[in-house]
PDB file of all heavy atoms in Angstrom:
ATOM      1  N   ILE A   1       1.139 -13.963   0.864  1.00  0.00           N
ATOM      2  CA  ILE A   1       0.802 -13.713   2.274  1.00  0.00           C
ATOM      3  C   ILE A   1       0.544 -15.034   3.000  1.00  0.00           C
ATOM      4  O   ILE A   1       1.011 -15.248   4.128  1.00  0.00           O
ATOM      5  CB  ILE A   1      -0.408 -12.768   2.382  1.00  0.00           C
ATOM      6  CG1 ILE A   1      -0.024 -11.369   1.874  1.00  0.00           C
ATOM      7  CG2 ILE A   1      -0.896 -12.678   3.832  1.00  0.00           C
ATOM      8  CD1 ILE A   1      -1.192 -10.398   1.813  1.00  0.00           C
ATOM      9  N   ARG A   2      -0.182 -15.948   2.357  1.00  0.00           N
ATOM     10  CA  ARG A   2      -0.434 -17.258   2.971  1.00  0.00           C
ATOM     11  C   ARG A   2       0.865 -18.025   3.158  1.00  0.00           C
ATOM     12  O   ARG A   2       1.076 -18.672   4.191  1.00  0.00           O
ATOM     13  CB  ARG A   2      -1.404 -18.059   2.099  1.00  0.00           C
ATOM     14  CG  ARG A   2      -2.848 -17.619   2.196  1.00  0.00           C
ATOM     15  CD  ARG A   2      -3.794 -18.660   1.613  1.00  0.00           C
ATOM     16  NE  ARG A   2      -3.583 -18.830   0.186  1.00  0.00           N
ATOM     17  CZ  ARG A   2      -4.197 -18.121  -0.750  1.00  0.00           C
ATOM     18  NH1 ARG A   2      -5.076 -17.173  -0.404  1.00  0.00           N
ATOM     19  NH2 ARG A   2      -3.960 -18.340  -2.034  1.00  0.00           N
ATOM     20  N   ALA A   3       1.745 -17.967   2.179  1.00  0.00           N
ATOM     21  CA  ALA A   3       3.012 -18.693   2.282  1.00  0.00           C
ATOM     22  C   ALA A   3       3.895 -18.131   3.392  1.00  0.00           C
ATOM     23  O   ALA A   3       4.572 -18.880   4.102  1.00  0.00           O
ATOM     24  CB  ALA A   3       3.743 -18.635   0.937  1.00  0.00           C
ATOM     25  N   ILE A   4       3.895 -16.817   3.557  1.00  0.00           N
ATOM     26  CA  ILE A   4       4.672 -16.192   4.635  1.00  0.00           C
ATOM     27  C   ILE A   4       4.173 -16.674   5.990  1.00  0.00           C
ATOM     28  O   ILE A   4       4.967 -17.049   6.874  1.00  0.00           O
ATOM     29  CB  ILE A   4       4.589 -14.648   4.540  1.00  0.00           C
ATOM     30  CG1 ILE A   4       5.365 -14.146   3.318  1.00  0.00           C
ATOM     31  CG2 ILE A   4       5.144 -14.000   5.814  1.00  0.00           C
ATOM     32  CD1 ILE A   4       5.162 -12.675   3.024  1.00  0.00           C
ATOM     33  N   SER A   5       2.860 -16.678   6.182  1.00  0.00           N
ATOM     34  CA  SER A   5       2.303 -17.110   7.468  1.00  0.00           C
ATOM     35  C   SER A   5       2.577 -18.579   7.734  1.00  0.00           C
ATOM     36  O   SER A   5       2.717 -18.989   8.895  1.00  0.00           O
ATOM     37  CB  SER A   5       0.791 -16.846   7.499  1.00  0.00           C
ATOM     38  OG  SER A   5       0.123 -17.622   6.520  1.00  0.00           O
ATOM     39  N   GLN A   6       2.703 -19.380   6.673  1.00  0.00           N
ATOM     40  CA  GLN A   6       2.961 -20.809   6.842  1.00  0.00           C
ATOM     41  C   GLN A   6       4.428 -21.081   7.183  1.00  0.00           C
ATOM     42  O   GLN A   6       4.732 -21.892   8.065  1.00  0.00           O
ATOM     43  CB  GLN A   6       2.591 -21.548   5.549  1.00  0.00           C
ATOM     44  CG  GLN A   6       2.826 -23.051   5.574  1.00  0.00           C
ATOM     45  CD  GLN A   6       1.930 -23.776   6.551  1.00  0.00           C
ATOM     46  OE1 GLN A   6       0.804 -23.359   6.805  1.00  0.00           O
ATOM     47  NE2 GLN A   6       2.433 -24.863   7.127  1.00  0.00           N
ATOM     48  N   CYS A   7       5.345 -20.427   6.480  1.00  0.00           N
ATOM     49  CA  CYS A   7       6.775 -20.735   6.628  1.00  0.00           C
ATOM     50  C   CYS A   7       7.486 -19.841   7.647  1.00  0.00           C
ATOM     51  O   CYS A   7       8.516 -20.234   8.203  1.00  0.00           O
ATOM     52  CB  CYS A   7       7.469 -20.620   5.279  1.00  0.00           C
ATOM     53  SG  CYS A   7       6.847 -21.778   4.036  1.00  0.00           S
ATOM     54  N   PHE A   8       6.953 -18.635   7.881  1.00  0.00           N
ATOM     55  CA  PHE A   8       7.551 -17.713   8.852  1.00  0.00           C
ATOM     56  C   PHE A   8       6.438 -17.222   9.791  1.00  0.00           C
ATOM     57  O   PHE A   8       6.053 -16.047   9.765  1.00  0.00           O
ATOM     58  CB  PHE A   8       8.203 -16.528   8.128  1.00  0.00           C
ATOM     59  CG  PHE A   8       9.246 -16.928   7.126  1.00  0.00           C
ATOM     60  CD1 PHE A   8       8.966 -16.902   5.750  1.00  0.00           C
ATOM     61  CD2 PHE A   8      10.505 -17.345   7.527  1.00  0.00           C
ATOM     62  CE1 PHE A   8       9.916 -17.258   4.816  1.00  0.00           C
ATOM     63  CE2 PHE A   8      11.472 -17.706   6.599  1.00  0.00           C
ATOM     64  CZ  PHE A   8      11.174 -17.677   5.236  1.00  0.00           C
ATOM     65  N   PRO A   9       5.906 -18.130  10.609  1.00  0.00           N
ATOM     66  CA  PRO A   9       4.689 -17.833  11.378  1.00  0.00           C
ATOM     67  C   PRO A   9       4.808 -16.686  12.369  1.00  0.00           C
ATOM     68  O   PRO A   9       3.805 -16.033  12.686  1.00  0.00           O
ATOM     69  CB  PRO A   9       4.404 -19.157  12.099  1.00  0.00           C
ATOM     70  CG  PRO A   9       5.724 -19.876  12.131  1.00  0.00           C
ATOM     71  CD  PRO A   9       6.407 -19.489  10.871  1.00  0.00           C
ATOM     72  N   ASN A  10       6.014 -16.422  12.858  1.00  0.00           N
ATOM     73  CA  ASN A  10       6.176 -15.366  13.866  1.00  0.00           C
ATOM     74  C   ASN A  10       6.670 -14.045  13.287  1.00  0.00           C
ATOM     75  O   ASN A  10       6.716 -13.033  13.987  1.00  0.00           O
ATOM     76  CB  ASN A  10       7.152 -15.820  14.956  1.00  0.00           C
ATOM     77  CG  ASN A  10       6.633 -17.026  15.723  1.00  0.00           C
ATOM     78  OD1 ASN A  10       5.429 -17.254  15.773  1.00  0.00           O
ATOM     79  ND2 ASN A  10       7.538 -17.802  16.298  1.00  0.00           N
ATOM     80  N   ALA A  11       7.062 -14.061  12.025  1.00  0.00           N
ATOM     81  CA  ALA A  11       7.636 -12.853  11.422  1.00  0.00           C
ATOM     82  C   ALA A  11       6.567 -11.788  11.223  1.00  0.00           C
ATOM     83  O   ALA A  11       5.410 -12.085  10.914  1.00  0.00           O
ATOM     84  CB  ALA A  11       8.282 -13.189  10.084  1.00  0.00           C
ATOM     85  N   GLN A  12       6.958 -10.537  11.387  1.00  0.00           N
ATOM     86  CA  GLN A  12       6.072  -9.433  11.051  1.00  0.00           C
ATOM     87  C   GLN A  12       6.130  -9.204   9.545  1.00  0.00           C
ATOM     88  O   GLN A  12       7.102  -9.559   8.885  1.00  0.00           O
ATOM     89  CB  GLN A  12       6.490  -8.174  11.806  1.00  0.00           C
ATOM     90  CG  GLN A  12       6.301  -8.300  13.314  1.00  0.00           C
ATOM     91  CD  GLN A  12       6.650  -7.004  14.038  1.00  0.00           C
ATOM     92  OE1 GLN A  12       7.744  -6.475  13.896  1.00  0.00           O
ATOM     93  NE2 GLN A  12       5.717  -6.500  14.829  1.00  0.00           N
ATOM     94  N   ARG A  13       5.067  -8.615   9.004  1.00  0.00           N
ATOM     95  CA  ARG A  13       4.978  -8.428   7.552  1.00  0.00           C
ATOM     96  C   ARG A  13       4.807  -6.947   7.224  1.00  0.00           C
ATOM     97  O   ARG A  13       3.997  -6.263   7.834  1.00  0.00           O
ATOM     98  CB  ARG A  13       3.809  -9.236   6.991  1.00  0.00           C
ATOM     99  CG  ARG A  13       3.692  -9.182   5.474  1.00  0.00           C
ATOM    100  CD  ARG A  13       2.664 -10.191   4.976  1.00  0.00           C
ATOM    101  NE  ARG A  13       1.366  -9.952   5.594  1.00  0.00           N
ATOM    102  CZ  ARG A  13       0.474  -9.080   5.147  1.00  0.00           C
ATOM    103  NH1 ARG A  13       0.741  -8.327   4.083  1.00  0.00           N
ATOM    104  NH2 ARG A  13      -0.684  -8.936   5.748  1.00  0.00           N
ATOM    105  N   GLN A  14       5.597  -6.484   6.246  1.00  0.00           N
ATOM    106  CA  GLN A  14       5.496  -5.123   5.749  1.00  0.00           C
ATOM    107  C   GLN A  14       4.998  -5.161   4.311  1.00  0.00           C
ATOM    108  O   GLN A  14       5.602  -5.803   3.458  1.00  0.00           O
ATOM    109  CB  GLN A  14       6.851  -4.417   5.800  1.00  0.00           C
ATOM    110  CG  GLN A  14       6.914  -3.077   5.075  1.00  0.00           C
ATOM    111  CD  GLN A  14       6.027  -2.012   5.686  1.00  0.00           C
ATOM    112  OE1 GLN A  14       5.914  -1.905   6.905  1.00  0.00           O
ATOM    113  NE2 GLN A  14       5.376  -1.222   4.843  1.00  0.00           N
ATOM    114  N   ARG A  15       3.888  -4.495   4.053  1.00  0.00           N
ATOM    115  CA  ARG A  15       3.371  -4.396   2.691  1.00  0.00           C
ATOM    116  C   ARG A  15       4.168  -3.318   1.958  1.00  0.00           C
ATOM    117  O   ARG A  15       4.388  -2.225   2.495  1.00  0.00           O
ATOM    118  CB  ARG A  15       1.889  -3.997   2.754  1.00  0.00           C
ATOM    119  CG  ARG A  15       1.184  -3.811   1.418  1.00  0.00           C
ATOM    120  CD  ARG A  15       0.739  -5.114   0.837  1.00  0.00           C
ATOM    121  NE  ARG A  15      -0.131  -4.891  -0.334  1.00  0.00           N
ATOM    122  CZ  ARG A  15      -1.444  -4.937  -0.309  1.00  0.00           C
ATOM    123  NH1 ARG A  15      -2.083  -5.182   0.842  1.00  0.00           N
ATOM    124  NH2 ARG A  15      -2.140  -4.765  -1.420  1.00  0.00           N
ATOM    125  N   CYS A  16       4.624  -3.616   0.759  1.00  0.00           N
ATOM    126  CA  CYS A  16       5.360  -2.624  -0.032  1.00  0.00           C
ATOM    127  C   CYS A  16       4.452  -1.429  -0.300  1.00  0.00           C
ATOM    128  O   CYS A  16       3.440  -1.538  -1.005  1.00  0.00           O
ATOM    129  CB  CYS A  16       5.829  -3.240  -1.345  1.00  0.00           C
ATOM    130  SG  CYS A  16       6.580  -2.046  -2.472  1.00  0.00           S
ATOM    131  N   ILE A  17       4.801  -0.256   0.244  1.00  0.00           N
ATOM    132  CA  ILE A  17       3.906   0.892   0.111  1.00  0.00           C
ATOM    133  C   ILE A  17       3.964   1.514  -1.287  1.00  0.00           C
ATOM    134  O   ILE A  17       3.042   2.213  -1.692  1.00  0.00           O
ATOM    135  CB  ILE A  17       4.203   1.959   1.198  1.00  0.00           C
ATOM    136  CG1 ILE A  17       5.611   2.517   1.062  1.00  0.00           C
ATOM    137  CG2 ILE A  17       3.965   1.390   2.586  1.00  0.00           C
ATOM    138  CD1 ILE A  17       5.877   3.698   1.983  1.00  0.00           C
ATOM    139  N   ALA A  18       5.034   1.236  -2.037  1.00  0.00           N
ATOM    140  CA  ALA A  18       5.086   1.741  -3.423  1.00  0.00           C
ATOM    141  C   ALA A  18       3.997   1.061  -4.247  1.00  0.00           C
ATOM    142  O   ALA A  18       3.275   1.711  -5.010  1.00  0.00           O
ATOM    143  CB  ALA A  18       6.461   1.486  -4.019  1.00  0.00           C
ATOM    144  N   HIS A  19       3.885  -0.281  -4.103  1.00  0.00           N
ATOM    145  CA  HIS A  19       2.819  -1.003  -4.781  1.00  0.00           C
ATOM    146  C   HIS A  19       1.453  -0.511  -4.300  1.00  0.00           C
ATOM    147  O   HIS A  19       0.519  -0.320  -5.101  1.00  0.00           O
ATOM    148  CB  HIS A  19       2.929  -2.514  -4.507  1.00  0.00           C
ATOM    149  CG  HIS A  19       4.024  -3.199  -5.249  1.00  0.00           C
ATOM    150  ND1 HIS A  19       5.306  -3.264  -4.774  1.00  0.00           N
ATOM    151  CD2 HIS A  19       4.024  -3.862  -6.431  1.00  0.00           C
ATOM    152  CE1 HIS A  19       6.056  -3.943  -5.625  1.00  0.00           C
ATOM    153  NE2 HIS A  19       5.300  -4.320  -6.649  1.00  0.00           N
ATOM    154  N   LYS A  20       1.330  -0.335  -2.983  1.00  0.00           N
ATOM    155  CA  LYS A  20       0.044   0.020  -2.400  1.00  0.00           C
ATOM    156  C   LYS A  20      -0.430   1.397  -2.869  1.00  0.00           C
ATOM    157  O   LYS A  20      -1.607   1.584  -3.208  1.00  0.00           O
ATOM    158  CB  LYS A  20       0.156  -0.007  -0.868  1.00  0.00           C
ATOM    159  CG  LYS A  20      -1.173   0.158  -0.143  1.00  0.00           C
ATOM    160  CD  LYS A  20      -2.100  -1.008  -0.434  1.00  0.00           C
ATOM    161  CE  LYS A  20      -3.329  -0.966   0.473  1.00  0.00           C
ATOM    162  NZ  LYS A  20      -4.274  -2.059   0.171  1.00  0.00           N
ATOM    163  N   ILE A  21       0.464   2.368  -2.891  1.00  0.00           N
ATOM    164  CA  ILE A  21       0.082   3.717  -3.337  1.00  0.00           C
ATOM    165  C   ILE A  21      -0.408   3.685  -4.779  1.00  0.00           C
ATOM    166  O   ILE A  21      -1.404   4.334  -5.123  1.00  0.00           O
ATOM    167  CB  ILE A  21       1.272   4.694  -3.171  1.00  0.00           C
ATOM    168  CG1 ILE A  21       1.540   4.952  -1.681  1.00  0.00           C
ATOM    169  CG2 ILE A  21       0.995   6.012  -3.889  1.00  0.00           C
ATOM    170  CD1 ILE A  21       2.777   5.782  -1.403  1.00  0.00           C
ATOM    171  N   ARG A  22       0.277   2.932  -5.627  1.00  0.00           N
ATOM    172  CA  ARG A  22      -0.159   2.827  -7.023  1.00  0.00           C
ATOM    173  C   ARG A  22      -1.569   2.230  -7.107  1.00  0.00           C
ATOM    174  O   ARG A  22      -2.402   2.678  -7.908  1.00  0.00           O
ATOM    175  CB  ARG A  22       0.829   1.983  -7.829  1.00  0.00           C
ATOM    176  CG  ARG A  22       2.151   2.674  -8.123  1.00  0.00           C
ATOM    177  CD  ARG A  22       2.912   1.985  -9.236  1.00  0.00           C
ATOM    178  NE  ARG A  22       3.390   0.663  -8.865  1.00  0.00           N
ATOM    179  CZ  ARG A  22       4.592   0.428  -8.341  1.00  0.00           C
ATOM    180  NH1 ARG A  22       5.428   1.443  -8.106  1.00  0.00           N
ATOM    181  NH2 ARG A  22       4.964  -0.791  -8.051  1.00  0.00           N
ATOM    182  N   ASN A  23      -1.819   1.212  -6.279  1.00  0.00           N
ATOM    183  CA  ASN A  23      -3.147   0.587  -6.284  1.00  0.00           C
ATOM    184  C   ASN A  23      -4.230   1.574  -5.832  1.00  0.00           C
ATOM    185  O   ASN A  23      -5.313   1.643  -6.415  1.00  0.00           O
ATOM    186  CB  ASN A  23      -3.162  -0.634  -5.361  1.00  0.00           C
ATOM    187  CG  ASN A  23      -2.308  -1.767  -5.895  1.00  0.00           C
ATOM    188  OD1 ASN A  23      -1.985  -1.801  -7.074  1.00  0.00           O
ATOM    189  ND2 ASN A  23      -1.941  -2.693  -5.016  1.00  0.00           N
ATOM    190  N   ILE A  24      -3.927   2.332  -4.791  1.00  0.00           N
ATOM    191  CA  ILE A  24      -4.913   3.280  -4.251  1.00  0.00           C
ATOM    192  C   ILE A  24      -5.243   4.361  -5.264  1.00  0.00           C
ATOM    193  O   ILE A  24      -6.412   4.720  -5.465  1.00  0.00           O
ATOM    194  CB  ILE A  24      -4.379   3.907  -2.942  1.00  0.00           C
ATOM    195  CG1 ILE A  24      -4.280   2.848  -1.842  1.00  0.00           C
ATOM    196  CG2 ILE A  24      -5.275   5.058  -2.487  1.00  0.00           C
ATOM    197  CD1 ILE A  24      -3.575   3.324  -0.581  1.00  0.00           C
ATOM    198  N   LEU A  25      -4.231   4.876  -5.942  1.00  0.00           N
ATOM    199  CA  LEU A  25      -4.445   5.998  -6.863  1.00  0.00           C
ATOM    200  C   LEU A  25      -5.244   5.603  -8.102  1.00  0.00           C
ATOM    201  O   LEU A  25      -5.776   6.469  -8.799  1.00  0.00           O
ATOM    202  CB  LEU A  25      -3.101   6.608  -7.269  1.00  0.00           C
ATOM    203  CG  LEU A  25      -2.326   7.314  -6.142  1.00  0.00           C
ATOM    204  CD1 LEU A  25      -1.009   7.873  -6.673  1.00  0.00           C
ATOM    205  CD2 LEU A  25      -3.158   8.415  -5.501  1.00  0.00           C
ATOM    206  N   THR A  26      -5.339   4.315  -8.385  1.00  0.00           N
ATOM    207  CA  THR A  26      -6.187   3.904  -9.518  1.00  0.00           C
ATOM    208  C   THR A  26      -7.667   4.025  -9.187  1.00  0.00           C
ATOM    209  O   THR A  26      -8.509   3.900 -10.089  1.00  0.00           O
ATOM    210  CB  THR A  26      -5.890   2.440  -9.909  1.00  0.00           C
ATOM    211  OG1 THR A  26      -6.220   1.570  -8.811  1.00  0.00           O
ATOM    212  CG2 THR A  26      -4.430   2.256 -10.291  1.00  0.00           C
ATOM    213  N   LYS A  27      -7.999   4.295  -7.917  1.00  0.00           N
ATOM    214  CA  LYS A  27      -9.405   4.361  -7.490  1.00  0.00           C
ATOM    215  C   LYS A  27      -9.936   5.793  -7.425  1.00  0.00           C
ATOM    216  O   LYS A  27     -11.083   6.000  -7.007  1.00  0.00           O
ATOM    217  CB  LYS A  27      -9.556   3.722  -6.103  1.00  0.00           C
ATOM    218  CG  LYS A  27      -8.892   2.370  -5.916  1.00  0.00           C
ATOM    219  CD  LYS A  27      -9.517   1.294  -6.778  1.00  0.00           C
ATOM    220  CE  LYS A  27      -8.862  -0.053  -6.495  1.00  0.00           C
ATOM    221  NZ  LYS A  27      -9.372  -1.114  -7.406  1.00  0.00           N
ATOM    222  N   VAL A  28      -9.122   6.779  -7.823  1.00  0.00           N
ATOM    223  CA  VAL A  28      -9.572   8.174  -7.731  1.00  0.00           C
ATOM    224  C   VAL A  28      -9.351   8.889  -9.057  1.00  0.00           C
ATOM    225  O   VAL A  28      -8.496   8.482  -9.857  1.00  0.00           O
ATOM    226  CB  VAL A  28      -8.832   8.934  -6.608  1.00  0.00           C
ATOM    227  CG1 VAL A  28      -9.130   8.320  -5.251  1.00  0.00           C
ATOM    228  CG2 VAL A  28      -7.332   8.956  -6.874  1.00  0.00           C
ATOM    229  N   PRO A  29     -10.092   9.981  -9.318  1.00  0.00           N
ATOM    230  CA  PRO A  29      -9.884  10.763 -10.550  1.00  0.00           C
ATOM    231  C   PRO A  29      -8.496  11.403 -10.566  1.00  0.00           C
ATOM    232  O   PRO A  29      -7.928  11.713  -9.504  1.00  0.00           O
ATOM    233  CB  PRO A  29     -10.976  11.835 -10.483  1.00  0.00           C
ATOM    234  CG  PRO A  29     -11.981  11.319  -9.517  1.00  0.00           C
ATOM    235  CD  PRO A  29     -11.239  10.490  -8.538  1.00  0.00           C
ATOM    236  N   MET A  30      -7.962  11.630 -11.755  1.00  0.00           N
ATOM    237  CA  MET A  30      -6.616  12.195 -11.893  1.00  0.00           C
ATOM    238  C   MET A  30      -6.504  13.568 -11.239  1.00  0.00           C
ATOM    239  O   MET A  30      -5.446  13.916 -10.711  1.00  0.00           O
ATOM    240  CB  MET A  30      -6.246  12.301 -13.371  1.00  0.00           C
ATOM    241  CG  MET A  30      -5.988  10.967 -14.033  1.00  0.00           C
ATOM    242  SD  MET A  30      -5.444  11.151 -15.746  1.00  0.00           S
ATOM    243  CE  MET A  30      -3.908  12.028 -15.528  1.00  0.00           C
ATOM    244  N   LYS A  31      -7.591  14.341 -11.226  1.00  0.00           N
ATOM    245  CA  LYS A  31      -7.511  15.701 -10.690  1.00  0.00           C
ATOM    246  C   LYS A  31      -7.234  15.751  -9.195  1.00  0.00           C
ATOM    247  O   LYS A  31      -6.794  16.785  -8.674  1.00  0.00           O
ATOM    248  CB  LYS A  31      -8.789  16.467 -11.017  1.00  0.00           C
ATOM    249  CG  LYS A  31     -10.051  15.907 -10.356  1.00  0.00           C
ATOM    250  CD  LYS A  31     -11.276  16.724 -10.745  1.00  0.00           C
ATOM    251  CE  LYS A  31     -12.544  16.186 -10.083  1.00  0.00           C
ATOM    252  NZ  LYS A  31     -13.737  16.976 -10.474  1.00  0.00           N
ATOM    253  N   VAL A  32      -7.511  14.649  -8.466  1.00  0.00           N
ATOM    254  CA  VAL A  32      -7.258  14.644  -7.022  1.00  0.00           C
ATOM    255  C   VAL A  32      -6.107  13.709  -6.636  1.00  0.00           C
ATOM    256  O   VAL A  32      -5.852  13.516  -5.460  1.00  0.00           O
ATOM    257  CB  VAL A  32      -8.534  14.251  -6.238  1.00  0.00           C
ATOM    258  CG1 VAL A  32      -9.626  15.286  -6.435  1.00  0.00           C
ATOM    259  CG2 VAL A  32      -9.009  12.856  -6.619  1.00  0.00           C
ATOM    260  N   GLU A  33      -5.434  13.142  -7.629  1.00  0.00           N
ATOM    261  CA  GLU A  33      -4.351  12.202  -7.333  1.00  0.00           C
ATOM    262  C   GLU A  33      -3.268  12.834  -6.453  1.00  0.00           C
ATOM    263  O   GLU A  33      -2.801  12.233  -5.495  1.00  0.00           O
ATOM    264  CB  GLU A  33      -3.718  11.691  -8.637  1.00  0.00           C
ATOM    265  CG  GLU A  33      -4.457  10.536  -9.272  1.00  0.00           C
ATOM    266  CD  GLU A  33      -3.681   9.957 -10.444  1.00  0.00           C
ATOM    267  OE1 GLU A  33      -2.530  10.409 -10.684  1.00  0.00           O
ATOM    268  OE2 GLU A  33      -4.216   9.054 -11.110  1.00  0.00           O
ATOM    269  N   LYS A  34      -2.850  14.047  -6.802  1.00  0.00           N
ATOM    270  CA  LYS A  34      -1.780  14.705  -6.044  1.00  0.00           C
ATOM    271  C   LYS A  34      -2.186  14.926  -4.596  1.00  0.00           C
ATOM    272  O   LYS A  34      -1.399  14.692  -3.663  1.00  0.00           O
ATOM    273  CB  LYS A  34      -1.426  16.039  -6.704  1.00  0.00           C
ATOM    274  CG  LYS A  34      -0.239  16.739  -6.076  1.00  0.00           C
ATOM    275  CD  LYS A  34       0.136  17.996  -6.857  1.00  0.00           C
ATOM    276  CE  LYS A  34       1.344  18.690  -6.237  1.00  0.00           C
ATOM    277  NZ  LYS A  34       1.703  19.927  -6.992  1.00  0.00           N
ATOM    278  N   GLU A  35      -3.415  15.354  -4.380  1.00  0.00           N
ATOM    279  CA  GLU A  35      -3.921  15.585  -3.023  1.00  0.00           C
ATOM    280  C   GLU A  35      -3.965  14.284  -2.226  1.00  0.00           C
ATOM    281  O   GLU A  35      -3.490  14.226  -1.082  1.00  0.00           O
ATOM    282  CB  GLU A  35      -5.321  16.191  -3.112  1.00  0.00           C
ATOM    283  CG  GLU A  35      -6.041  16.318  -1.779  1.00  0.00           C
ATOM    284  CD  GLU A  35      -7.511  16.689  -1.970  1.00  0.00           C
ATOM    285  OE1 GLU A  35      -7.855  17.316  -2.992  1.00  0.00           O
ATOM    286  OE2 GLU A  35      -8.307  16.340  -1.082  1.00  0.00           O
ATOM    287  N   ILE A  36      -4.523  13.248  -2.824  1.00  0.00           N
ATOM    288  CA  ILE A  36      -4.641  11.956  -2.146  1.00  0.00           C
ATOM    289  C   ILE A  36      -3.256  11.367  -1.853  1.00  0.00           C
ATOM    290  O   ILE A  36      -2.988  10.870  -0.754  1.00  0.00           O
ATOM    291  CB  ILE A  36      -5.468  10.968  -2.993  1.00  0.00           C
ATOM    292  CG1 ILE A  36      -6.901  11.481  -3.181  1.00  0.00           C
ATOM    293  CG2 ILE A  36      -5.478   9.586  -2.356  1.00  0.00           C
ATOM    294  CD1 ILE A  36      -7.699  11.602  -1.916  1.00  0.00           C
ATOM    295  N   LYS A  37      -2.387  11.462  -2.836  1.00  0.00           N
ATOM    296  CA  LYS A  37      -1.041  10.916  -2.655  1.00  0.00           C
ATOM    297  C   LYS A  37      -0.307  11.612  -1.512  1.00  0.00           C
ATOM    298  O   LYS A  37       0.386  10.961  -0.710  1.00  0.00           O
ATOM    299  CB  LYS A  37      -0.240  11.058  -3.956  1.00  0.00           C
ATOM    300  CG  LYS A  37       1.111  10.381  -3.932  1.00  0.00           C
ATOM    301  CD  LYS A  37       1.784  10.467  -5.297  1.00  0.00           C
ATOM    302  CE  LYS A  37       3.125   9.744  -5.308  1.00  0.00           C
ATOM    303  NZ  LYS A  37       3.771   9.823  -6.654  1.00  0.00           N
ATOM    304  N   GLY A  38      -0.457  12.919  -1.409  1.00  0.00           N
ATOM    305  CA  GLY A  38       0.184  13.662  -0.312  1.00  0.00           C
ATOM    306  C   GLY A  38      -0.333  13.213   1.042  1.00  0.00           C
ATOM    307  O   GLY A  38       0.449  13.053   1.993  1.00  0.00           O
ATOM    308  N   ARG A  39      -1.656  13.004   1.136  1.00  0.00           N
ATOM    309  CA  ARG A  39      -2.235  12.571   2.413  1.00  0.00           C
ATOM    310  C   ARG A  39      -1.764  11.159   2.785  1.00  0.00           C
ATOM    311  O   ARG A  39      -1.444  10.894   3.949  1.00  0.00           O
ATOM    312  CB  ARG A  39      -3.769  12.597   2.313  1.00  0.00           C
ATOM    313  CG  ARG A  39      -4.413  13.973   2.217  1.00  0.00           C
ATOM    314  CD  ARG A  39      -4.401  14.701   3.559  1.00  0.00           C
ATOM    315  NE  ARG A  39      -5.202  14.055   4.567  1.00  0.00           N
ATOM    316  CZ  ARG A  39      -6.517  14.259   4.778  1.00  0.00           C
ATOM    317  NH1 ARG A  39      -7.177  15.123   3.989  1.00  0.00           N
ATOM    318  NH2 ARG A  39      -7.158  13.643   5.742  1.00  0.00           N
ATOM    319  N   ILE A  40      -1.726  10.292   1.794  1.00  0.00           N
ATOM    320  CA  ILE A  40      -1.297   8.908   2.062  1.00  0.00           C
ATOM    321  C   ILE A  40       0.161   8.875   2.518  1.00  0.00           C
ATOM    322  O   ILE A  40       0.529   8.177   3.462  1.00  0.00           O
ATOM    323  CB  ILE A  40      -1.489   8.037   0.806  1.00  0.00           C
ATOM    324  CG1 ILE A  40      -2.965   7.908   0.476  1.00  0.00           C
ATOM    325  CG2 ILE A  40      -0.886   6.641   1.023  1.00  0.00           C
ATOM    326  CD1 ILE A  40      -3.216   7.247  -0.865  1.00  0.00           C
ATOM    327  N   LYS A  41       1.013   9.661   1.837  1.00  0.00           N
ATOM    328  CA  LYS A  41       2.433   9.680   2.223  1.00  0.00           C
ATOM    329  C   LYS A  41       2.628  10.208   3.633  1.00  0.00           C
ATOM    330  O   LYS A  41       3.507   9.736   4.368  1.00  0.00           O
ATOM    331  CB  LYS A  41       3.233  10.527   1.217  1.00  0.00           C
ATOM    332  CG  LYS A  41       3.529   9.807  -0.088  1.00  0.00           C
ATOM    333  CD  LYS A  41       4.535  10.603  -0.922  1.00  0.00           C
ATOM    334  CE  LYS A  41       5.015   9.807  -2.109  1.00  0.00           C
ATOM    335  NZ  LYS A  41       6.050  10.534  -2.891  1.00  0.00           N
ATOM    336  N   SER A  42       1.816  11.184   4.023  1.00  0.00           N
ATOM    337  CA  SER A  42       1.941  11.717   5.391  1.00  0.00           C
ATOM    338  C   SER A  42       1.622  10.635   6.421  1.00  0.00           C
ATOM    339  O   SER A  42       2.150  10.661   7.537  1.00  0.00           O
ATOM    340  CB  SER A  42       1.016  12.919   5.578  1.00  0.00           C
ATOM    341  OG  SER A  42      -0.354  12.523   5.572  1.00  0.00           O
ATOM    342  N   ILE A  43       0.781   9.690   6.041  1.00  0.00           N
ATOM    343  CA  ILE A  43       0.448   8.575   6.938  1.00  0.00           C
ATOM    344  C   ILE A  43       1.583   7.552   6.954  1.00  0.00           C
ATOM    345  O   ILE A  43       2.086   7.174   8.011  1.00  0.00           O
ATOM    346  CB  ILE A  43      -0.869   7.902   6.489  1.00  0.00           C
ATOM    347  CG1 ILE A  43      -2.029   8.885   6.594  1.00  0.00           C
ATOM    348  CG2 ILE A  43      -1.149   6.647   7.318  1.00  0.00           C
ATOM    349  CD1 ILE A  43      -3.303   8.415   5.910  1.00  0.00           C
TER     350      ILE A  43
END
């Protein structure tokens, strides 16, 4: 992220949502993963 801002200062940045969803789901119990994942995808 720091390197992008340094070399491409005006470019917009998109966070890979596949990586992000995996990170988020590690913070919740398995029994609610499907529910949380559905809500996140709707966003």
